[in-house]
């Protein structure tokens, strides 16, 4: 495949020898599906695009973060007022870390935060970040039986209803599965920074392509998918069209 320079009208792609279409497609593959960097390298090679997995990783970090920021700005105020919070163990270099995650009632990821603690301070940090990003407190907060959530909630938003029951929190627990699959593909995260960077980028991109397919007809699903891909094109290729 003949290479051509990136569109000079977009500062994001300056000094990159591959065009926005190829870069954005590689980033989309990596964050949309549970693929390794080498998998993406091979998928591009099949299409005649010779690029190393290291370069794909650099694209994922730089451009993925830029795309995620734009999606967050577009999504502000669009989430449900019921928050589901949960935490899962992540082993990094033999040390136990906790990935704290918040999703709304529709399964959209509100935020994810990697921390070395599982206590009130860690819960406070997550809630402060959520309140800053969302700009408003939830109507209902649903968690498991970890008492740190209640202590943090009482300090920051005492008027919010808190439902603490493991059986009610499947939505947040199911949201962890995506990271678990990627953790296996990557043969574990190499550092807390790498894990945080991945979840911070993956969440907004996953939200863009998240729709309850089981409740949709085929025509409705295709319509939503087309709209998501059009939004992705506007974000990743601002000069397209």
C-alpha atoms as a PDB file:
ATOM      1  CA  UNK A   1       0.000   0.000   0.000  1.00  0.00           C
ATOM      2  CA  UNK A   2       1.349   3.416  -0.987  1.00  0.00           C
ATOM      3  CA  UNK A   3       1.944   5.683   1.966  1.00  0.00           C
ATOM      4  CA  UNK A   4       0.870   9.299   1.916  1.00  0.00           C
ATOM      5  CA  UNK A   5       1.437  12.023   4.485  1.00  0.00           C
ATOM      6  CA  UNK A   6      -1.147  12.870   7.092  1.00  0.00           C
ATOM      7  CA  UNK A   7      -3.506  15.748   6.333  1.00  0.00           C
ATOM      8  CA  UNK A   8      -1.577  18.943   7.174  1.00  0.00           C
ATOM      9  CA  UNK A   9      -4.816  20.625   8.253  1.00  0.00           C
ATOM     10  CA  UNK A  10      -4.944  18.488  11.376  1.00  0.00           C
ATOM     11  CA  UNK A  11      -2.223  19.311  13.931  1.00  0.00           C
ATOM     12  CA  UNK A  12      -2.846  15.991  15.665  1.00  0.00           C
ATOM     13  CA  UNK A  13      -1.337  14.060  12.769  1.00  0.00           C
ATOM     14  CA  UNK A  14       1.573  16.335  11.971  1.00  0.00           C
ATOM     15  CA  UNK A  15       4.923  14.566  11.476  1.00  0.00           C
ATOM     16  CA  UNK A  16       3.225  11.191  11.149  1.00  0.00           C
ATOM     17  CA  UNK A  17       3.921   9.431   7.871  1.00  0.00           C
ATOM     18  CA  UNK A  18       0.652   7.488   7.958  1.00  0.00           C
ATOM     19  CA  UNK A  19      -2.660   9.228   7.250  1.00  0.00           C
ATOM     20  CA  UNK A  20      -5.415   9.732   9.802  1.00  0.00           C
ATOM     21  CA  UNK A  21      -7.511   6.935   8.282  1.00  0.00           C
ATOM     22  CA  UNK A  22      -4.893   4.282   9.056  1.00  0.00           C
ATOM     23  CA  UNK A  23      -3.961   5.608  12.487  1.00  0.00           C
ATOM     24  CA  UNK A  24      -7.571   5.965  13.630  1.00  0.00           C
ATOM     25  CA  UNK A  25      -8.440   2.503  12.314  1.00  0.00           C
ATOM     26  CA  UNK A  26      -5.558   0.924  14.244  1.00  0.00           C
ATOM     27  CA  UNK A  27      -6.598   2.704  17.440  1.00  0.00           C
ATOM     28  CA  UNK A  28     -10.219   1.695  16.885  1.00  0.00           C
ATOM     29  CA  UNK A  29      -9.248  -1.966  16.468  1.00  0.00           C
ATOM     30  CA  UNK A  30      -7.122  -1.953  19.612  1.00  0.00           C
ATOM     31  CA  UNK A  31      -9.682  -0.385  21.933  1.00  0.00           C
ATOM     32  CA  UNK A  32     -12.854  -1.735  20.319  1.00  0.00           C
ATOM     33  CA  UNK A  33     -11.845  -5.413  20.477  1.00  0.00           C
ATOM     34  CA  UNK A  34      -9.749  -7.508  22.917  1.00  0.00           C
ATOM     35  CA  UNK A  35      -6.712  -7.525  20.623  1.00  0.00           C
ATOM     36  CA  UNK A  36      -3.034  -7.305  21.432  1.00  0.00           C
ATOM     37  CA  UNK A  37      -0.751  -4.826  19.699  1.00  0.00           C
ATOM     38  CA  UNK A  38       0.700  -7.678  17.646  1.00  0.00           C
ATOM     39  CA  UNK A  39      -2.806  -8.714  16.573  1.00  0.00           C
ATOM     40  CA  UNK A  40      -3.429  -5.206  15.258  1.00  0.00           C
ATOM     41  CA  UNK A  41      -0.038  -5.235  13.515  1.00  0.00           C
ATOM     42  CA  UNK A  42      -1.000  -8.451  11.694  1.00  0.00           C
ATOM     43  CA  UNK A  43      -4.465  -7.157  10.771  1.00  0.00           C
ATOM     44  CA  UNK A  44      -2.919  -4.064   9.220  1.00  0.00           C
ATOM     45  CA  UNK A  45      -0.295  -6.169   7.429  1.00  0.00           C
ATOM     46  CA  UNK A  46      -3.051  -8.190   5.735  1.00  0.00           C
ATOM     47  CA  UNK A  47      -4.221  -4.914   4.202  1.00  0.00           C
ATOM     48  CA  UNK A  48      -0.731  -4.086   2.993  1.00  0.00           C
ATOM     49  CA  UNK A  49       0.107  -1.648   5.801  1.00  0.00           C
ATOM     50  CA  UNK A  50       3.561  -2.309   7.233  1.00  0.00           C
ATOM     51  CA  UNK A  51       3.681  -0.905  10.751  1.00  0.00           C
ATOM     52  CA  UNK A  52       5.256  -2.342  13.903  1.00  0.00           C
ATOM     53  CA  UNK A  53       3.328  -3.235  17.042  1.00  0.00           C
ATOM     54  CA  UNK A  54       5.454  -0.685  18.917  1.00  0.00           C
ATOM     55  CA  UNK A  55       4.133   2.041  16.637  1.00  0.00           C
ATOM     56  CA  UNK A  56       0.580   0.807  17.162  1.00  0.00           C
ATOM     57  CA  UNK A  57       1.187   1.109  20.905  1.00  0.00           C
ATOM     58  CA  UNK A  58       2.403   4.687  20.510  1.00  0.00           C
ATOM     59  CA  UNK A  59      -0.672   5.516  18.424  1.00  0.00           C
ATOM     60  CA  UNK A  60      -2.943   3.930  21.026  1.00  0.00           C
ATOM     61  CA  UNK A  61      -1.470   6.110  23.767  1.00  0.00           C
ATOM     62  CA  UNK A  62      -1.285   9.427  21.912  1.00  0.00           C
ATOM     63  CA  UNK A  63      -4.313   9.336  19.623  1.00  0.00           C
ATOM     64  CA  UNK A  64      -6.464   7.149  21.870  1.00  0.00           C
ATOM     65  CA  UNK A  65      -6.138   9.706  24.663  1.00  0.00           C
ATOM     66  CA  UNK A  66      -7.046  12.540  22.272  1.00  0.00           C
ATOM     67  CA  UNK A  67     -10.108  10.691  20.979  1.00  0.00           C
ATOM     68  CA  UNK A  68     -11.196   9.802  24.525  1.00  0.00           C
ATOM     69  CA  UNK A  69     -11.019  13.444  25.626  1.00  0.00           C
ATOM     70  CA  UNK A  70     -13.284  14.492  22.773  1.00  0.00           C
ATOM     71  CA  UNK A  71     -15.795  11.735  23.526  1.00  0.00           C
ATOM     72  CA  UNK A  72     -15.886  12.791  27.194  1.00  0.00           C
ATOM     73  CA  UNK A  73     -16.640  16.381  26.232  1.00  0.00           C
ATOM     74  CA  UNK A  74     -19.420  15.246  23.904  1.00  0.00           C
ATOM     75  CA  UNK A  75     -20.900  12.939  26.554  1.00  0.00           C
ATOM     76  CA  UNK A  76     -20.967  15.360  29.483  1.00  0.00           C
ATOM     77  CA  UNK A  77     -24.418  15.378  31.083  1.00  0.00           C
ATOM     78  CA  UNK A  78     -25.632  12.423  29.013  1.00  0.00           C
ATOM     79  CA  UNK A  79     -25.358   9.709  31.657  1.00  0.00           C
ATOM     80  CA  UNK A  80     -28.070   8.261  33.903  1.00  0.00           C
ATOM     81  CA  UNK A  81     -28.415   9.524  37.492  1.00  0.00           C
ATOM     82  CA  UNK A  82     -27.945   6.089  39.040  1.00  0.00           C
ATOM     83  CA  UNK A  83     -24.308   5.145  39.674  1.00  0.00           C
ATOM     84  CA  UNK A  84     -23.004   1.610  40.187  1.00  0.00           C
ATOM     85  CA  UNK A  85     -19.596   1.450  41.892  1.00  0.00           C
ATOM     86  CA  UNK A  86     -17.358  -1.561  42.320  1.00  0.00           C
ATOM     87  CA  UNK A  87     -13.696  -2.491  42.660  1.00  0.00           C
ATOM     88  CA  UNK A  88     -11.672  -5.430  41.381  1.00  0.00           C
ATOM     89  CA  UNK A  89      -8.207  -6.768  42.153  1.00  0.00           C
ATOM     90  CA  UNK A  90      -5.443  -6.210  39.598  1.00  0.00           C
ATOM     91  CA  UNK A  91      -2.079  -7.884  40.167  1.00  0.00           C
ATOM     92  CA  UNK A  92       0.820  -5.751  38.899  1.00  0.00           C
ATOM     93  CA  UNK A  93       4.356  -7.076  39.339  1.00  0.00           C
ATOM     94  CA  UNK A  94       3.187  -9.297  42.168  1.00  0.00           C
ATOM     95  CA  UNK A  95       1.546  -6.452  44.071  1.00  0.00           C
ATOM     96  CA  UNK A  96      -2.173  -6.156  44.625  1.00  0.00           C
ATOM     97  CA  UNK A  97      -3.887  -3.051  43.238  1.00  0.00           C
ATOM     98  CA  UNK A  98      -7.549  -2.163  43.046  1.00  0.00           C
ATOM     99  CA  UNK A  99      -9.352  -0.955  39.960  1.00  0.00           C
ATOM    100  CA  UNK A 100     -12.270   1.171  41.144  1.00  0.00           C
ATOM    101  CA  UNK A 101     -14.984   1.584  38.530  1.00  0.00           C
ATOM    102  CA  UNK A 102     -18.231   3.519  38.196  1.00  0.00           C
ATOM    103  CA  UNK A 103     -20.886   2.889  35.543  1.00  0.00           C
ATOM    104  CA  UNK A 104     -24.340   4.344  35.101  1.00  0.00           C
ATOM    105  CA  UNK A 105     -27.658   2.477  34.978  1.00  0.00           C
ATOM    106  CA  UNK A 106     -27.237   1.887  31.240  1.00  0.00           C
ATOM    107  CA  UNK A 107     -23.787   0.358  31.557  1.00  0.00           C
ATOM    108  CA  UNK A 108     -21.819   3.383  30.345  1.00  0.00           C
ATOM    109  CA  UNK A 109     -18.453   3.763  32.057  1.00  0.00           C
ATOM    110  CA  UNK A 110     -18.308   6.956  34.126  1.00  0.00           C
ATOM    111  CA  UNK A 111     -14.721   6.527  35.256  1.00  0.00           C
ATOM    112  CA  UNK A 112     -12.124   4.014  36.412  1.00  0.00           C
ATOM    113  CA  UNK A 113      -9.312   4.605  38.857  1.00  0.00           C
ATOM    114  CA  UNK A 114      -6.365   2.357  39.727  1.00  0.00           C
ATOM    115  CA  UNK A 115      -5.336   2.608  43.379  1.00  0.00           C
ATOM    116  CA  UNK A 116      -3.169   0.658  45.789  1.00  0.00           C
ATOM    117  CA  UNK A 117      -5.735   0.975  48.591  1.00  0.00           C
ATOM    118  CA  UNK A 118      -9.202  -0.357  49.266  1.00  0.00           C
ATOM    119  CA  UNK A 119     -10.395   1.948  52.005  1.00  0.00           C
ATOM    120  CA  UNK A 120     -12.285   5.158  52.700  1.00  0.00           C
ATOM    121  CA  UNK A 121      -9.541   7.366  51.245  1.00  0.00           C
ATOM    122  CA  UNK A 122      -9.599   5.455  47.991  1.00  0.00           C
ATOM    123  CA  UNK A 123     -13.403   5.641  47.818  1.00  0.00           C
ATOM    124  CA  UNK A 124     -13.249   9.391  48.507  1.00  0.00           C
ATOM    125  CA  UNK A 125     -10.778   9.881  45.679  1.00  0.00           C
ATOM    126  CA  UNK A 126     -13.038   8.062  43.241  1.00  0.00           C
ATOM    127  CA  UNK A 127     -16.150   9.999  44.286  1.00  0.00           C
ATOM    128  CA  UNK A 128     -14.361  13.354  44.109  1.00  0.00           C
ATOM    129  CA  UNK A 129     -13.193  12.567  40.592  1.00  0.00           C
ATOM    130  CA  UNK A 130     -16.671  11.473  39.557  1.00  0.00           C
ATOM    131  CA  UNK A 131     -18.310  14.595  40.959  1.00  0.00           C
ATOM    132  CA  UNK A 132     -15.767  16.819  39.232  1.00  0.00           C
ATOM    133  CA  UNK A 133     -16.224  15.147  35.868  1.00  0.00           C
ATOM    134  CA  UNK A 134     -19.997  14.700  35.976  1.00  0.00           C
ATOM    135  CA  UNK A 135     -20.677  18.078  37.559  1.00  0.00           C
ATOM    136  CA  UNK A 136     -23.619  16.706  39.523  1.00  0.00           C
ATOM    137  CA  UNK A 137     -24.278  14.126  42.231  1.00  0.00           C
ATOM    138  CA  UNK A 138     -26.264  10.986  41.378  1.00  0.00           C
ATOM    139  CA  UNK A 139     -29.800  10.316  42.513  1.00  0.00           C
ATOM    140  CA  UNK A 140     -28.858   6.812  43.695  1.00  0.00           C
ATOM    141  CA  UNK A 141     -25.513   5.160  44.386  1.00  0.00           C
ATOM    142  CA  UNK A 142     -25.339   1.350  44.323  1.00  0.00           C
ATOM    143  CA  UNK A 143     -22.367  -0.537  45.769  1.00  0.00           C
ATOM    144  CA  UNK A 144     -21.418  -3.844  47.313  1.00  0.00           C
ATOM    145  CA  UNK A 145     -21.069  -4.270  51.079  1.00  0.00           C
ATOM    146  CA  UNK A 146     -17.700  -2.491  51.347  1.00  0.00           C
ATOM    147  CA  UNK A 147     -18.256   0.083  54.102  1.00  0.00           C
ATOM    148  CA  UNK A 148     -15.736   2.511  52.605  1.00  0.00           C
ATOM    149  CA  UNK A 149     -18.346   3.563  50.055  1.00  0.00           C
ATOM    150  CA  UNK A 150     -20.836   4.582  52.712  1.00  0.00           C
ATOM    151  CA  UNK A 151     -18.225   6.535  54.676  1.00  0.00           C
ATOM    152  CA  UNK A 152     -17.094   8.414  51.570  1.00  0.00           C
ATOM    153  CA  UNK A 153     -20.658   9.079  50.439  1.00  0.00           C
ATOM    154  CA  UNK A 154     -21.663  10.472  53.818  1.00  0.00           C
ATOM    155  CA  UNK A 155     -18.777  12.923  53.685  1.00  0.00           C
ATOM    156  CA  UNK A 156     -19.230  14.172  50.112  1.00  0.00           C
ATOM    157  CA  UNK A 157     -22.926  13.749  49.270  1.00  0.00           C
ATOM    158  CA  UNK A 158     -24.933  12.783  52.377  1.00  0.00           C
ATOM    159  CA  UNK A 159     -28.321  13.356  50.752  1.00  0.00           C
ATOM    160  CA  UNK A 160     -27.765  10.773  47.992  1.00  0.00           C
ATOM    161  CA  UNK A 161     -29.588   7.456  48.415  1.00  0.00           C
ATOM    162  CA  UNK A 162     -27.157   4.585  48.944  1.00  0.00           C
ATOM    163  CA  UNK A 163     -28.110   0.992  48.234  1.00  0.00           C
ATOM    164  CA  UNK A 164     -25.496  -1.441  49.510  1.00  0.00           C
ATOM    165  CA  UNK A 165     -26.170  -4.947  48.286  1.00  0.00           C
ATOM    166  CA  UNK A 166     -23.949  -7.265  46.253  1.00  0.00           C
ATOM    167  CA  UNK A 167     -26.853  -8.641  44.241  1.00  0.00           C
ATOM    168  CA  UNK A 168     -27.776  -5.171  42.966  1.00  0.00           C
ATOM    169  CA  UNK A 169     -24.345  -4.393  41.584  1.00  0.00           C
ATOM    170  CA  UNK A 170     -24.040  -6.830  38.681  1.00  0.00           C
ATOM    171  CA  UNK A 171     -23.870  -3.988  36.178  1.00  0.00           C
ATOM    172  CA  UNK A 172     -20.588  -2.684  37.595  1.00  0.00           C
ATOM    173  CA  UNK A 173     -19.189  -6.177  38.069  1.00  0.00           C
ATOM    174  CA  UNK A 174     -19.990  -7.092  34.458  1.00  0.00           C
ATOM    175  CA  UNK A 175     -18.195  -3.953  33.321  1.00  0.00           C
ATOM    176  CA  UNK A 176     -14.986  -5.366  34.795  1.00  0.00           C
ATOM    177  CA  UNK A 177     -15.061  -8.325  32.392  1.00  0.00           C
ATOM    178  CA  UNK A 178     -13.749  -6.261  29.497  1.00  0.00           C
ATOM    179  CA  UNK A 179     -10.643  -5.332  31.480  1.00  0.00           C
ATOM    180  CA  UNK A 180     -10.197  -8.926  32.618  1.00  0.00           C
ATOM    181  CA  UNK A 181     -10.175 -10.101  29.001  1.00  0.00           C
ATOM    182  CA  UNK A 182      -7.662  -7.428  28.042  1.00  0.00           C
ATOM    183  CA  UNK A 183      -5.527  -8.253  31.080  1.00  0.00           C
ATOM    184  CA  UNK A 184      -5.226 -11.829  29.810  1.00  0.00           C
ATOM    185  CA  UNK A 185      -4.448 -10.689  26.265  1.00  0.00           C
ATOM    186  CA  UNK A 186      -1.705  -8.368  27.514  1.00  0.00           C
ATOM    187  CA  UNK A 187      -0.378 -11.038  29.910  1.00  0.00           C
ATOM    188  CA  UNK A 188      -1.052  -8.699  32.816  1.00  0.00           C
ATOM    189  CA  UNK A 189      -0.534  -4.967  33.080  1.00  0.00           C
ATOM    190  CA  UNK A 190       3.104  -3.958  33.480  1.00  0.00           C
ATOM    191  CA  UNK A 191       2.478  -0.988  35.777  1.00  0.00           C
ATOM    192  CA  UNK A 192      -0.318   0.897  37.490  1.00  0.00           C
ATOM    193  CA  UNK A 193       0.319   3.779  35.090  1.00  0.00           C
ATOM    194  CA  UNK A 194      -0.166   1.526  32.064  1.00  0.00           C
ATOM    195  CA  UNK A 195      -3.376   0.118  33.546  1.00  0.00           C
ATOM    196  CA  UNK A 196      -4.711   3.589  34.342  1.00  0.00           C
ATOM    197  CA  UNK A 197      -3.911   4.870  30.872  1.00  0.00           C
ATOM    198  CA  UNK A 198      -5.648   1.928  29.240  1.00  0.00           C
ATOM    199  CA  UNK A 199      -8.869   2.133  31.263  1.00  0.00           C
ATOM    200  CA  UNK A 200      -9.000   5.933  30.918  1.00  0.00           C
ATOM    201  CA  UNK A 201      -8.947   5.616  27.127  1.00  0.00           C
ATOM    202  CA  UNK A 202     -10.956   2.427  26.800  1.00  0.00           C
ATOM    203  CA  UNK A 203     -13.952   3.635  28.834  1.00  0.00           C
ATOM    204  CA  UNK A 204     -15.020   6.582  26.633  1.00  0.00           C
ATOM    205  CA  UNK A 205     -14.395   4.652  23.410  1.00  0.00           C
ATOM    206  CA  UNK A 206     -16.413   1.699  24.717  1.00  0.00           C
ATOM    207  CA  UNK A 207     -19.226   4.101  25.633  1.00  0.00           C
ATOM    208  CA  UNK A 208     -19.403   5.373  22.069  1.00  0.00           C
ATOM    209  CA  UNK A 209     -20.074   1.858  20.795  1.00  0.00           C
ATOM    210  CA  UNK A 210     -22.207   0.691  23.709  1.00  0.00           C
ATOM    211  CA  UNK A 211     -25.869  -0.075  23.047  1.00  0.00           C
ATOM    212  CA  UNK A 212     -28.119  -2.725  24.645  1.00  0.00           C
ATOM    213  CA  UNK A 213     -28.196  -4.996  21.593  1.00  0.00           C
ATOM    214  CA  UNK A 214     -30.475  -7.532  23.276  1.00  0.00           C
ATOM    215  CA  UNK A 215     -33.251  -4.911  23.392  1.00  0.00           C
ATOM    216  CA  UNK A 216     -32.830  -3.745  19.792  1.00  0.00           C
ATOM    217  CA  UNK A 217     -34.075  -4.980  16.452  1.00  0.00           C
ATOM    218  CA  UNK A 218     -31.445  -5.623  13.778  1.00  0.00           C
ATOM    219  CA  UNK A 219     -32.428  -2.418  11.996  1.00  0.00           C
ATOM    220  CA  UNK A 220     -32.150  -0.365  15.196  1.00  0.00           C
ATOM    221  CA  UNK A 221     -28.764  -1.878  16.006  1.00  0.00           C
ATOM    222  CA  UNK A 222     -27.407  -1.126  12.526  1.00  0.00           C
ATOM    223  CA  UNK A 223     -28.693   2.448  12.744  1.00  0.00           C
ATOM    224  CA  UNK A 224     -26.982   3.032  16.096  1.00  0.00           C
ATOM    225  CA  UNK A 225     -23.783   1.383  14.882  1.00  0.00           C
ATOM    226  CA  UNK A 226     -23.733   3.601  11.798  1.00  0.00           C
ATOM    227  CA  UNK A 227     -24.250   6.700  13.955  1.00  0.00           C
ATOM    228  CA  UNK A 228     -21.392   5.629  16.251  1.00  0.00           C
ATOM    229  CA  UNK A 229     -19.042   5.086  13.319  1.00  0.00           C
ATOM    230  CA  UNK A 230     -19.961   8.491  11.886  1.00  0.00           C
ATOM    231  CA  UNK A 231     -19.191  10.101  15.239  1.00  0.00           C
ATOM    232  CA  UNK A 232     -15.890   8.238  15.388  1.00  0.00           C
ATOM    233  CA  UNK A 233     -14.988   9.503  11.912  1.00  0.00           C
ATOM    234  CA  UNK A 234     -15.720  13.100  12.914  1.00  0.00           C
ATOM    235  CA  UNK A 235     -13.558  12.734  16.012  1.00  0.00           C
ATOM    236  CA  UNK A 236     -10.658  10.844  14.443  1.00  0.00           C
ATOM    237  CA  UNK A 237     -10.677  12.471  11.003  1.00  0.00           C
ATOM    238  CA  UNK A 238     -11.795  16.081  11.537  1.00  0.00           C
ATOM    239  CA  UNK A 239     -11.151  17.086   7.921  1.00  0.00           C
ATOM    240  CA  UNK A 240     -13.090  14.146   6.434  1.00  0.00           C
ATOM    241  CA  UNK A 241     -15.993  15.152   4.261  1.00  0.00           C
END
